[in-house]
Protein backbone atom coordinates (compact mmCIF):
# COMPACT_ATOMS: atom_id res chain seq x y z
CA ASP A 1 113.88 73.85 9.35
CA VAL A 2 112.07 73.26 12.60
CA ALA A 3 114.68 72.18 14.40
CA ALA A 4 116.91 75.71 14.38
CA GLU A 5 113.53 77.29 14.77
CA LEU A 6 113.08 75.60 18.08
CA ALA A 7 117.07 75.91 18.47
CA GLY A 8 117.11 79.98 17.61
CA ILE A 9 114.08 80.32 20.76
CA ALA A 10 116.19 78.12 23.07
CA ALA A 11 118.99 80.10 23.12
CA GLN A 12 117.57 83.20 22.91
CA GLU A 13 114.16 82.65 25.66
CA LEU A 14 115.30 79.75 27.63
CA PRO A 15 116.64 79.79 31.36
CA PRO A 16 120.58 78.77 30.06
CA ASP A 17 120.54 75.13 31.10
CA GLN A 18 117.36 74.16 30.16
CA ALA A 19 118.40 75.59 26.68
CA LEU A 20 120.88 73.37 26.76
CA VAL A 21 120.10 70.66 27.96
CA LEU A 22 117.26 71.12 24.49
CA LEU A 23 120.45 71.86 22.28
CA ARG A 24 121.92 68.32 22.89
CA GLU A 25 118.28 66.62 22.49
CA LEU A 26 117.94 68.15 19.51
CA ALA A 27 121.34 66.96 17.78
CA PRO A 28 120.88 64.24 16.68
CA LEU A 29 117.69 66.00 14.56
CA LEU A 30 120.29 69.33 14.69
CA PRO A 31 123.95 67.62 14.35
CA SER A 32 125.34 71.08 14.16
CA ALA A 33 123.96 74.44 16.12
CA PRO A 34 126.16 76.82 15.98
CA ASN A 35 124.48 80.19 16.23
CA ALA A 36 122.38 78.82 19.23
CA TYR A 37 125.52 78.51 20.77
CA LEU A 38 126.57 81.41 20.34
CA VAL A 39 123.92 83.55 22.08
CA LEU A 40 124.30 81.61 24.15
CA GLY A 41 127.39 81.97 24.73
CA PHE A 42 127.65 85.13 25.32
CA ARG A 43 123.93 84.76 28.49
CA ALA A 44 125.59 82.45 29.88
CA PRO A 45 129.79 80.91 28.91
CA GLU A 46 130.24 79.22 32.79
CA ALA A 47 126.94 77.09 31.49
CA LEU A 48 129.26 76.39 28.14
CA ALA A 49 131.90 75.83 29.83
CA ASP A 50 131.24 72.89 32.11
CA ALA A 51 128.77 71.77 29.34
CA TYR A 52 132.19 71.15 27.39
CA ARG A 53 134.26 70.44 30.13
CA GLU A 54 132.42 67.55 31.08
CA LEU A 55 131.88 66.39 27.44
CA LEU A 56 135.66 65.93 27.23
CA ALA A 57 135.18 64.15 29.76
CA SER A 58 132.73 61.58 28.48
CA ASP A 59 134.92 61.81 24.85
CA VAL A 60 130.96 61.58 23.72
CA GLN A 61 129.43 63.88 21.15
CA PRO A 62 132.18 65.55 19.02
CA ARG A 63 129.38 68.63 17.26
CA VAL A 64 128.24 69.22 20.23
CA ARG A 65 131.56 70.04 22.40
CA ALA A 66 132.62 71.77 18.75
CA ASP A 67 129.56 74.13 18.65
CA LEU A 68 130.05 74.33 23.03
CA VAL A 69 133.74 75.16 21.67
CA THR A 70 132.41 77.69 19.29
CA GLY A 71 130.03 79.60 22.36
CA VAL A 72 132.12 80.04 24.38
CA GLY A 73 135.66 80.43 22.44
CA MET A 74 134.41 83.23 20.89
CA THR A 75 133.02 85.49 23.20
CA THR A 76 136.92 86.77 23.58
CA THR A 77 136.69 86.70 27.39
CA PRO A 78 140.15 84.68 29.32
CA LEU A 79 136.79 81.94 30.36
CA GLY A 80 136.59 81.44 26.24
CA LEU A 81 140.25 81.69 25.52
CA GLU A 82 140.80 79.11 28.35
CA ILE A 83 138.64 76.56 26.51
CA ALA A 84 139.77 77.00 22.85
CA ARG A 85 142.96 76.01 24.53
CA LEU A 86 141.49 73.04 26.73
CA ALA A 87 140.03 72.19 23.20
CA LEU A 88 143.46 72.35 20.83
CA GLU A 89 145.85 70.70 23.58
CA ASN A 90 143.32 67.99 24.84
CA ASP A 91 140.31 67.07 22.32
CA PRO A 92 140.40 64.16 20.64
CA SER A 93 138.38 65.09 17.60
CA PRO A 94 139.92 67.27 14.77
CA GLU A 95 136.31 69.14 14.29
CA VAL A 96 136.58 70.44 18.12
CA ARG A 97 140.28 71.44 17.67
CA LEU A 98 139.72 72.73 14.48
CA GLN A 99 136.35 75.53 15.83
CA ALA A 100 139.32 75.83 18.96
CA VAL A 101 142.33 77.53 16.50
CA PHE A 102 138.71 79.58 14.73
CA ALA A 103 138.39 81.32 18.40
CA LEU A 104 142.56 81.74 19.30
CA THR A 105 142.73 83.55 15.18
CA ALA A 106 140.06 85.33 15.86
CA ARG A 107 141.51 87.37 18.70
CA ARG A 108 143.73 89.00 16.93
CA ASP A 109 147.38 88.64 19.26
CA PRO A 110 149.63 87.43 16.45
CA GLY A 111 151.74 85.18 18.81
CA LEU A 112 148.34 82.83 19.75
CA GLY A 113 146.57 83.08 16.28
CA GLU A 114 150.01 81.44 15.46
CA ALA A 115 150.54 79.49 18.31
CA ALA A 116 147.64 77.63 17.72
CA LEU A 117 147.89 77.78 14.07
CA GLN A 118 150.27 75.23 13.56
CA GLN A 119 149.86 73.48 16.47
CA ALA A 120 146.74 72.81 14.54
CA LEU A 121 149.45 71.03 11.17
CA ASP A 122 150.90 69.08 13.78
CA ASP A 123 148.38 66.82 13.98
CA PRO A 124 149.15 64.70 10.75
CA ARG A 125 144.55 64.73 10.62
CA ILE A 126 144.39 68.10 9.85
CA ALA A 127 147.96 67.81 7.99
CA GLY A 128 146.89 65.41 5.70
CA ASP A 129 142.95 66.26 5.08
CA PRO A 130 142.52 68.35 2.58
CA VAL A 131 138.84 69.24 3.70
CA ARG A 132 140.07 70.25 7.14
CA LEU A 133 143.17 71.86 6.14
CA SER A 134 140.41 74.46 4.14
CA ALA A 135 139.59 74.55 7.88
CA VAL A 136 143.29 76.21 8.75
CA VAL A 137 143.42 78.19 5.37
CA LEU A 138 140.13 80.03 6.77
CA ALA A 139 141.96 80.41 10.08
CA LEU A 140 144.76 81.36 8.09
CA GLN A 141 142.39 84.92 7.08
CA ASN A 142 141.72 85.50 10.76
CA LEU A 143 145.58 85.79 11.34
CA GLU A 144 146.06 88.66 8.37
CA THR A 145 144.48 90.58 9.63
CA THR A 146 147.41 91.22 12.55
CA GLY A 147 149.14 92.68 10.36
CA ASP A 148 152.44 90.16 11.15
CA VAL A 149 154.13 89.85 7.95
CA ASN A 150 156.45 86.81 10.05
CA ALA A 151 153.35 84.70 11.57
CA LEU A 152 151.44 85.20 8.12
CA GLN A 153 154.56 83.95 6.26
CA ARG A 154 155.39 81.34 8.49
CA VAL A 155 152.31 79.51 8.25
CA GLY A 156 151.30 79.91 4.78
CA GLN A 157 155.01 78.88 3.01
CA ARG A 158 154.09 75.43 6.05
CA LEU A 159 151.05 75.24 3.84
CA GLN A 160 151.93 75.15 0.46
CA THR A 161 153.70 72.78 1.41
CA MET A 162 150.62 70.32 2.19
CA ALA A 163 148.48 68.32 0.24
CA MET A 164 145.18 70.91 -0.18
CA SER A 165 142.98 71.37 -2.18
CA ASP A 166 142.41 73.48 -5.87
CA ALA A 167 140.57 75.75 -3.99
CA SER A 168 142.44 76.03 -0.45
CA ARG A 169 145.69 76.31 -2.83
CA GLN A 170 143.73 79.15 -4.42
CA THR A 171 142.32 80.91 -1.04
CA LEU A 172 145.87 80.38 0.31
CA ALA A 173 147.66 82.92 -2.91
CA GLY A 174 144.89 85.23 -2.41
CA ILE A 175 145.74 85.71 1.14
CA LEU A 176 149.62 85.65 0.32
CA ALA A 177 149.24 88.24 -2.03
CA ARG A 178 147.44 90.52 0.20
CA GLY A 179 148.87 90.64 3.04
CA LEU A 180 152.59 90.23 2.45
CA PRO A 181 154.94 92.77 1.10
CA THR A 182 154.81 92.17 -3.18
CA THR A 183 158.76 90.40 -2.28
CA VAL A 184 157.56 88.03 -0.15
CA ALA A 185 154.16 87.63 -2.05
CA GLY A 186 155.90 86.17 -4.91
CA GLY A 187 158.13 84.83 -3.94
CA ALA A 188 155.65 82.94 -1.74
CA GLY A 189 152.93 83.13 -5.01
CA SER A 190 156.04 80.67 -6.68
CA GLY A 191 155.57 79.20 -3.89
CA VAL A 192 151.95 77.94 -4.64
CA ALA A 193 152.11 77.44 -8.36
CA ASP A 194 155.05 74.93 -8.02
CA GLN A 195 153.44 72.50 -5.57
CA PRO A 196 151.22 69.85 -7.62
CA ARG A 197 147.50 70.10 -8.36
CA GLN A 198 145.64 68.44 -5.99
CA ALA A 199 142.21 67.17 -6.66
CA SER A 200 139.58 69.03 -4.49
CA ARG A 201 137.74 66.46 -2.19
């Protein structure tokens, strides 16, 4: 794809400010370019943070905002933490908030990760949407890697009560089976089985 190739070259070779301008111009042809923004995030996280704050203030280009949060949030720097928290708490777009959840859970801090997941599930636009819930289940895998059994169980049990797709429910069951002690996982597994199946979207 020509647009994706241009985005990759721009992220690697252009001055960051120029690269950001080009990426925004490419947005109609390339709605999402997380890889390019990840490259820019490591090159110039401050530039991405400023661009995100600007777009958030105007509430425009939510797909670009999501990529900006990915780019700076995944740097695992204090600035990345600041922007991810800002997005989760203040961005009106559920998709941007979900990207913030991925960034926060990727930090391998169980308290931070659980809080981010629970906050996302407090949003009815996420909790009531099987497609968005599938993203929450994927982010839960980051929490699994921290080894915090209690946090994993709390979020997992809450997810079991929600209208997930069959695929997400199976993924969740696998996460809980791997991450929880056998007796706890067995109980969680029963909870999964007892929930009504939802049609995949």
